[in-house]
Amino acid sequence: SSLMSLDRDFMTYTKACQDTRQPLQYMCLAMNWQIVLNLRGLSTTNRRTVLSGDAFDERIILQRSASNKNSSDLSLLQLILKRYKLYAALYFGEWEVACSIGMSIIDEYCKKLPGQSGCIYVTYISGLAALAVSKFKSKEKKYRRHGRKCRNKLKEWADRGNPNCIHFVAMLDGEYDASRGMADTAGKHFEVAIKLAGRRGIVQDQAIANERLAESWLY
């Protein structure tokens, strides 16, 4: 099956990273693999955003960090780990978890890894999650402000020619309007995001946009 083929690919490339002594690349691939396993219910914990299973165990990084707090490499790994946990929170719809992680790392991540593609995704997920939770948080203005800040940063990158940000801008525009009870305009933004993601073949983002559109009708 395609999932078995994916497992074989992950196994091949993680082993290649180990054989060529590329620990950072190995860790990133292993985290990615574990997210795929979590989505298939193959985790050793019942907490879906905890990356623990046959491919990767996040406790390794946490234990190393506790014993060696001065390592810049470990600090970077912690940031990357939180980024992958952010992905898991997005795909499982755990918006409060995503909001907490995103707001805690966005500034440091983009400062330490400028120009890295992860900055786009951290900004997008952090903003989307903040707007999503603003619907049921007492300090909703704080979360909406953060969501708009993320949206404006993505718009800035899109205006500079980054095509990977365009559908995210539409997504956050939709979520912002949805958080204010403007279902009609929110729907239009989400439909734009669905079309843009679909044209580029980014099916996971297209799926999230469809989910957020459906949620906006229920809010």
C-alpha atoms as a PDB file:
ATOM      1  CA  SER A   1       0.000   0.000   0.000  1.00  0.00           C
ATOM      2  CA  SER A   2       0.992   3.671  -0.261  1.00  0.00           C
ATOM      3  CA  LEU A   3       1.375   3.889   3.531  1.00  0.00           C
ATOM      4  CA  MET A   4       3.769   0.951   3.552  1.00  0.00           C
ATOM      5  CA  SER A   5       5.709   2.599   0.727  1.00  0.00           C
ATOM      6  CA  LEU A   6       5.873   5.784   2.804  1.00  0.00           C
ATOM      7  CA  ASP A   7       7.203   3.835   5.777  1.00  0.00           C
ATOM      8  CA  ARG A   8       9.876   2.274   3.580  1.00  0.00           C
ATOM      9  CA  ASP A   9      10.920   5.691   2.296  1.00  0.00           C
ATOM     10  CA  PHE A  10      11.147   7.113   5.817  1.00  0.00           C
ATOM     11  CA  MET A  11      13.163   4.083   6.906  1.00  0.00           C
ATOM     12  CA  THR A  12      15.547   4.465   3.963  1.00  0.00           C
ATOM     13  CA  TYR A  13      16.185   8.164   4.415  1.00  0.00           C
ATOM     14  CA  THR A  14      16.435   8.176   8.214  1.00  0.00           C
ATOM     15  CA  LYS A  15      19.012   5.385   7.959  1.00  0.00           C
ATOM     16  CA  ALA A  16      20.915   7.378   5.319  1.00  0.00           C
ATOM     17  CA  CYS A  17      21.035  10.358   7.682  1.00  0.00           C
ATOM     18  CA  GLN A  18      22.351   8.163  10.469  1.00  0.00           C
ATOM     19  CA  ASP A  19      24.949   6.552   8.198  1.00  0.00           C
ATOM     20  CA  THR A  20      26.202   9.946   7.001  1.00  0.00           C
ATOM     21  CA  ARG A  21      26.158  11.427  10.521  1.00  0.00           C
ATOM     22  CA  GLN A  22      23.518  14.084   9.963  1.00  0.00           C
ATOM     23  CA  PRO A  23      21.750  14.089  13.351  1.00  0.00           C
ATOM     24  CA  LEU A  24      19.620  17.188  12.806  1.00  0.00           C
ATOM     25  CA  GLN A  25      18.262  15.946   9.478  1.00  0.00           C
ATOM     26  CA  TYR A  26      17.665  12.528  11.035  1.00  0.00           C
ATOM     27  CA  MET A  27      15.676  14.034  13.913  1.00  0.00           C
ATOM     28  CA  CYS A  28      13.520  16.116  11.552  1.00  0.00           C
ATOM     29  CA  LEU A  29      12.703  13.111   9.376  1.00  0.00           C
ATOM     30  CA  ALA A  30      11.971  10.959  12.427  1.00  0.00           C
ATOM     31  CA  MET A  31       9.618  13.601  13.865  1.00  0.00           C
ATOM     32  CA  ASN A  32       7.825  13.820  10.541  1.00  0.00           C
ATOM     33  CA  TRP A  33       7.508  10.055  10.399  1.00  0.00           C
ATOM     34  CA  GLN A  34       6.098   9.928  13.926  1.00  0.00           C
ATOM     35  CA  ILE A  35       3.417  12.482  13.024  1.00  0.00           C
ATOM     36  CA  VAL A  36       2.348  10.162  10.194  1.00  0.00           C
ATOM     37  CA  LEU A  37       2.251   7.261  12.665  1.00  0.00           C
ATOM     38  CA  ASN A  38       0.257   9.319  15.177  1.00  0.00           C
ATOM     39  CA  LEU A  39      -2.284  10.121  12.472  1.00  0.00           C
ATOM     40  CA  ARG A  40      -2.622   6.374  11.894  1.00  0.00           C
ATOM     41  CA  GLY A  41      -3.154   5.734  15.610  1.00  0.00           C
ATOM     42  CA  LEU A  42       0.312   4.198  16.011  1.00  0.00           C
ATOM     43  CA  SER A  43       1.552   6.131  19.018  1.00  0.00           C
ATOM     44  CA  THR A  44       2.704   4.766  22.366  1.00  0.00           C
ATOM     45  CA  THR A  45       0.665   7.413  24.203  1.00  0.00           C
ATOM     46  CA  ASN A  46      -2.986   8.454  24.096  1.00  0.00           C
ATOM     47  CA  ARG A  47      -1.962  12.104  23.758  1.00  0.00           C
ATOM     48  CA  ARG A  48      -2.095  12.701  20.036  1.00  0.00           C
ATOM     49  CA  THR A  49       0.266  15.683  19.957  1.00  0.00           C
ATOM     50  CA  VAL A  50       3.005  13.836  21.837  1.00  0.00           C
ATOM     51  CA  LEU A  51       5.524  12.436  19.363  1.00  0.00           C
ATOM     52  CA  SER A  52       6.282   9.080  20.879  1.00  0.00           C
ATOM     53  CA  GLY A  53       6.351   5.773  19.022  1.00  0.00           C
ATOM     54  CA  ASP A  54       8.405   3.478  16.838  1.00  0.00           C
ATOM     55  CA  ALA A  55       9.922   6.286  14.742  1.00  0.00           C
ATOM     56  CA  PHE A  56      10.683   8.899  17.373  1.00  0.00           C
ATOM     57  CA  ASP A  57      10.372   9.593  21.086  1.00  0.00           C
ATOM     58  CA  GLU A  58      10.339  13.246  22.107  1.00  0.00           C
ATOM     59  CA  ARG A  59      11.491  12.345  25.620  1.00  0.00           C
ATOM     60  CA  ILE A  60      14.988  11.875  24.177  1.00  0.00           C
ATOM     61  CA  ILE A  61      15.264  15.589  23.422  1.00  0.00           C
ATOM     62  CA  LEU A  62      13.614  16.597  26.698  1.00  0.00           C
ATOM     63  CA  GLN A  63      15.999  14.419  28.716  1.00  0.00           C
ATOM     64  CA  ARG A  64      19.042  15.734  26.859  1.00  0.00           C
ATOM     65  CA  SER A  65      17.850  19.301  27.379  1.00  0.00           C
ATOM     66  CA  ALA A  66      17.454  18.743  31.111  1.00  0.00           C
ATOM     67  CA  SER A  67      21.017  17.440  31.421  1.00  0.00           C
ATOM     68  CA  ASN A  68      22.665  19.978  29.088  1.00  0.00           C
ATOM     69  CA  LYS A  69      20.854  23.309  29.178  1.00  0.00           C
ATOM     70  CA  ASN A  70      23.678  25.279  27.546  1.00  0.00           C
ATOM     71  CA  SER A  71      23.738  23.441  24.217  1.00  0.00           C
ATOM     72  CA  SER A  72      22.672  25.625  21.285  1.00  0.00           C
ATOM     73  CA  ASP A  73      22.052  22.471  19.219  1.00  0.00           C
ATOM     74  CA  LEU A  74      19.570  21.202  21.794  1.00  0.00           C
ATOM     75  CA  SER A  75      17.874  24.585  21.933  1.00  0.00           C
ATOM     76  CA  LEU A  76      17.414  24.406  18.165  1.00  0.00           C
ATOM     77  CA  LEU A  77      16.098  20.846  18.406  1.00  0.00           C
ATOM     78  CA  GLN A  78      13.571  21.916  21.023  1.00  0.00           C
ATOM     79  CA  LEU A  79      12.271  24.604  18.681  1.00  0.00           C
ATOM     80  CA  ILE A  80      12.030  22.138  15.815  1.00  0.00           C
ATOM     81  CA  LEU A  81      10.292  19.590  18.058  1.00  0.00           C
ATOM     82  CA  LYS A  82       7.684  22.202  19.012  1.00  0.00           C
ATOM     83  CA  ARG A  83       7.201  23.014  15.345  1.00  0.00           C
ATOM     84  CA  TYR A  84       6.376  19.379  14.590  1.00  0.00           C
ATOM     85  CA  LYS A  85       4.101  19.179  17.622  1.00  0.00           C
ATOM     86  CA  LEU A  86       2.396  22.250  16.174  1.00  0.00           C
ATOM     87  CA  TYR A  87       1.753  20.293  12.965  1.00  0.00           C
ATOM     88  CA  ALA A  88       0.233  17.439  14.958  1.00  0.00           C
ATOM     89  CA  ALA A  89      -2.021  19.844  16.877  1.00  0.00           C
ATOM     90  CA  LEU A  90      -3.202  21.347  13.573  1.00  0.00           C
ATOM     91  CA  TYR A  91      -4.040  18.006  11.969  1.00  0.00           C
ATOM     92  CA  PHE A  92      -5.841  16.746  15.072  1.00  0.00           C
ATOM     93  CA  GLY A  93      -7.740  20.022  15.512  1.00  0.00           C
ATOM     94  CA  GLU A  94      -6.339  20.648  18.993  1.00  0.00           C
ATOM     95  CA  TRP A  95      -6.494  24.416  18.689  1.00  0.00           C
ATOM     96  CA  GLU A  96      -5.663  25.358  22.266  1.00  0.00           C
ATOM     97  CA  VAL A  97      -2.514  23.231  22.139  1.00  0.00           C
ATOM     98  CA  ALA A  98      -1.571  24.731  18.775  1.00  0.00           C
ATOM     99  CA  CYS A  99      -2.214  28.255  20.031  1.00  0.00           C
ATOM    100  CA  SER A 100      -0.114  27.742  23.156  1.00  0.00           C
ATOM    101  CA  ILE A 101       2.825  26.259  21.236  1.00  0.00           C
ATOM    102  CA  GLY A 102       2.609  28.735  18.374  1.00  0.00           C
ATOM    103  CA  MET A 103       2.497  31.863  20.506  1.00  0.00           C
ATOM    104  CA  SER A 104       5.373  30.597  22.637  1.00  0.00           C
ATOM    105  CA  ILE A 105       7.819  29.916  19.791  1.00  0.00           C
ATOM    106  CA  ILE A 106       6.927  32.125  16.821  1.00  0.00           C
ATOM    107  CA  ASP A 107       9.293  35.021  17.578  1.00  0.00           C
ATOM    108  CA  GLU A 108      12.255  32.865  18.597  1.00  0.00           C
ATOM    109  CA  TYR A 109      11.753  30.423  15.723  1.00  0.00           C
ATOM    110  CA  CYS A 110      11.701  33.102  13.036  1.00  0.00           C
ATOM    111  CA  LYS A 111      14.666  34.860  14.669  1.00  0.00           C
ATOM    112  CA  LYS A 112      16.839  31.749  14.857  1.00  0.00           C
ATOM    113  CA  LEU A 113      15.747  30.246  11.530  1.00  0.00           C
ATOM    114  CA  PRO A 114      15.070  33.208   9.225  1.00  0.00           C
ATOM    115  CA  GLY A 115      14.240  32.280   5.660  1.00  0.00           C
ATOM    116  CA  GLN A 116      13.553  28.671   6.629  1.00  0.00           C
ATOM    117  CA  SER A 117      10.263  27.298   5.309  1.00  0.00           C
ATOM    118  CA  GLY A 118       9.183  26.416   8.836  1.00  0.00           C
ATOM    119  CA  CYS A 119       8.751  30.124   9.593  1.00  0.00           C
ATOM    120  CA  ILE A 120       5.831  30.249   7.173  1.00  0.00           C
ATOM    121  CA  TYR A 121       4.087  27.252   8.730  1.00  0.00           C
ATOM    122  CA  VAL A 122       4.713  28.325  12.325  1.00  0.00           C
ATOM    123  CA  THR A 123       3.279  31.765  11.499  1.00  0.00           C
ATOM    124  CA  TYR A 124       0.272  30.308   9.674  1.00  0.00           C
ATOM    125  CA  ILE A 125      -0.641  27.679  12.283  1.00  0.00           C
ATOM    126  CA  SER A 126      -0.030  30.055  15.191  1.00  0.00           C
ATOM    127  CA  GLY A 127      -2.305  32.675  13.629  1.00  0.00           C
ATOM    128  CA  LEU A 128      -5.009  30.204  12.616  1.00  0.00           C
ATOM    129  CA  ALA A 129      -5.068  28.601  16.063  1.00  0.00           C
ATOM    130  CA  ALA A 130      -5.193  31.972  17.860  1.00  0.00           C
ATOM    131  CA  LEU A 131      -8.182  33.049  15.783  1.00  0.00           C
ATOM    132  CA  ALA A 132      -9.873  29.673  16.272  1.00  0.00           C
ATOM    133  CA  VAL A 133      -9.581  29.807  20.073  1.00  0.00           C
ATOM    134  CA  SER A 134     -10.618  33.469  20.206  1.00  0.00           C
ATOM    135  CA  LYS A 135     -14.193  32.268  19.699  1.00  0.00           C
ATOM    136  CA  PHE A 136     -14.342  30.787  23.198  1.00  0.00           C
ATOM    137  CA  LYS A 137     -11.622  32.642  25.137  1.00  0.00           C
ATOM    138  CA  SER A 138     -12.443  35.450  27.560  1.00  0.00           C
ATOM    139  CA  LYS A 139      -9.571  37.603  26.261  1.00  0.00           C
ATOM    140  CA  GLU A 140     -10.542  37.181  22.635  1.00  0.00           C
ATOM    141  CA  LYS A 141      -8.978  40.487  21.522  1.00  0.00           C
ATOM    142  CA  LYS A 142      -5.511  39.274  22.517  1.00  0.00           C
ATOM    143  CA  TYR A 143      -5.858  36.212  20.296  1.00  0.00           C
ATOM    144  CA  ARG A 144      -7.391  38.134  17.423  1.00  0.00           C
ATOM    145  CA  ARG A 145      -4.515  40.618  17.546  1.00  0.00           C
ATOM    146  CA  HIS A 146      -2.030  37.774  17.343  1.00  0.00           C
ATOM    147  CA  GLY A 147      -3.967  36.210  14.478  1.00  0.00           C
ATOM    148  CA  ARG A 148      -3.971  39.485  12.540  1.00  0.00           C
ATOM    149  CA  LYS A 149      -0.263  39.989  13.222  1.00  0.00           C
ATOM    150  CA  CYS A 150       0.447  36.560  11.712  1.00  0.00           C
ATOM    151  CA  ARG A 151      -1.857  37.279   8.781  1.00  0.00           C
ATOM    152  CA  ASN A 152      -0.095  40.577   8.042  1.00  0.00           C
ATOM    153  CA  LYS A 153       3.322  38.896   8.147  1.00  0.00           C
ATOM    154  CA  LEU A 154       2.145  36.244   5.681  1.00  0.00           C
ATOM    155  CA  LYS A 155       0.677  38.968   3.442  1.00  0.00           C
ATOM    156  CA  GLU A 156       4.017  40.785   3.514  1.00  0.00           C
ATOM    157  CA  TRP A 157       5.835  37.630   2.406  1.00  0.00           C
ATOM    158  CA  ALA A 158       3.220  36.976  -0.287  1.00  0.00           C
ATOM    159  CA  ASP A 159       3.566  40.530  -1.614  1.00  0.00           C
ATOM    160  CA  ARG A 160       7.306  39.987  -1.857  1.00  0.00           C
ATOM    161  CA  GLY A 161       6.697  37.061  -4.184  1.00  0.00           C
ATOM    162  CA  ASN A 162       6.444  34.005  -1.932  1.00  0.00           C
ATOM    163  CA  PRO A 163       3.705  31.833  -3.503  1.00  0.00           C
ATOM    164  CA  ASN A 164       3.556  29.527  -0.475  1.00  0.00           C
ATOM    165  CA  CYS A 165       1.842  32.200   1.630  1.00  0.00           C
ATOM    166  CA  ILE A 166      -1.047  33.235  -0.600  1.00  0.00           C
ATOM    167  CA  HIS A 167      -3.594  30.587   0.407  1.00  0.00           C
ATOM    168  CA  PHE A 168      -2.619  30.996   4.064  1.00  0.00           C
ATOM    169  CA  VAL A 169      -3.542  34.686   3.903  1.00  0.00           C
ATOM    170  CA  ALA A 170      -6.989  33.744   2.583  1.00  0.00           C
ATOM    171  CA  MET A 171      -7.298  31.097   5.303  1.00  0.00           C
ATOM    172  CA  LEU A 172      -6.538  33.569   8.101  1.00  0.00           C
ATOM    173  CA  ASP A 173      -8.845  36.173   6.586  1.00  0.00           C
ATOM    174  CA  GLY A 174     -11.586  33.566   6.682  1.00  0.00           C
ATOM    175  CA  GLU A 175     -10.857  32.567  10.264  1.00  0.00           C
ATOM    176  CA  TYR A 176     -10.758  36.206  11.373  1.00  0.00           C
ATOM    177  CA  ASP A 177     -14.181  36.921   9.908  1.00  0.00           C
ATOM    178  CA  ALA A 178     -15.518  33.646  11.321  1.00  0.00           C
ATOM    179  CA  SER A 179     -14.303  34.634  14.793  1.00  0.00           C
ATOM    180  CA  ARG A 180     -16.421  37.791  14.492  1.00  0.00           C
ATOM    181  CA  GLY A 181     -19.521  35.913  13.379  1.00  0.00           C
ATOM    182  CA  MET A 182     -19.277  37.050   9.737  1.00  0.00           C
ATOM    183  CA  ALA A 183     -20.033  33.676   8.177  1.00  0.00           C
ATOM    184  CA  ASP A 184     -20.764  34.933   4.658  1.00  0.00           C
ATOM    185  CA  THR A 185     -17.493  36.786   4.127  1.00  0.00           C
ATOM    186  CA  ALA A 186     -15.590  34.074   6.019  1.00  0.00           C
ATOM    187  CA  GLY A 187     -16.963  31.508   3.601  1.00  0.00           C
ATOM    188  CA  LYS A 188     -15.748  33.482   0.594  1.00  0.00           C
ATOM    189  CA  HIS A 189     -12.215  33.659   1.998  1.00  0.00           C
ATOM    190  CA  PHE A 190     -12.192  29.949   2.805  1.00  0.00           C
ATOM    191  CA  GLU A 191     -13.399  29.116  -0.700  1.00  0.00           C
ATOM    192  CA  VAL A 192     -10.514  31.142  -2.127  1.00  0.00           C
ATOM    193  CA  ALA A 193      -8.089  29.251   0.136  1.00  0.00           C
ATOM    194  CA  ILE A 194      -9.584  25.916  -0.996  1.00  0.00           C
ATOM    195  CA  LYS A 195      -9.167  26.814  -4.673  1.00  0.00           C
ATOM    196  CA  LEU A 196      -5.628  28.174  -4.273  1.00  0.00           C
ATOM    197  CA  ALA A 197      -4.424  25.172  -2.286  1.00  0.00           C
ATOM    198  CA  GLY A 198      -6.127  22.813  -4.745  1.00  0.00           C
ATOM    199  CA  ARG A 199      -4.486  24.402  -7.761  1.00  0.00           C
ATOM    200  CA  ARG A 200      -1.074  23.833  -6.227  1.00  0.00           C
ATOM    201  CA  GLY A 201      -1.885  20.294  -5.137  1.00  0.00           C
ATOM    202  CA  ILE A 202      -1.476  21.014  -1.420  1.00  0.00           C
ATOM    203  CA  VAL A 203      -4.210  18.638  -0.347  1.00  0.00           C
ATOM    204  CA  GLN A 204      -3.565  18.847   3.399  1.00  0.00           C
ATOM    205  CA  ASP A 205      -4.058  22.629   3.390  1.00  0.00           C
ATOM    206  CA  GLN A 206      -7.108  22.255   1.164  1.00  0.00           C
ATOM    207  CA  ALA A 207      -8.569  19.791   3.678  1.00  0.00           C
ATOM    208  CA  ILE A 208      -7.992  22.173   6.607  1.00  0.00           C
ATOM    209  CA  ALA A 209      -9.636  25.022   4.662  1.00  0.00           C
ATOM    210  CA  ASN A 210     -12.681  22.800   4.024  1.00  0.00           C
ATOM    211  CA  GLU A 211     -12.874  21.960   7.725  1.00  0.00           C
ATOM    212  CA  ARG A 212     -12.642  25.601   8.760  1.00  0.00           C
ATOM    213  CA  LEU A 213     -15.320  26.528   6.220  1.00  0.00           C
ATOM    214  CA  ALA A 214     -17.671  23.908   7.674  1.00  0.00           C
ATOM    215  CA  GLU A 215     -16.863  25.084  11.215  1.00  0.00           C
ATOM    216  CA  SER A 216     -17.656  28.692  10.265  1.00  0.00           C
ATOM    217  CA  TRP A 217     -21.185  27.669   9.303  1.00  0.00           C
ATOM    218  CA  LEU A 218     -21.696  26.083  12.724  1.00  0.00           C
ATOM    219  CA  TYR A 219     -20.253  28.906  14.824  1.00  0.00           C
END
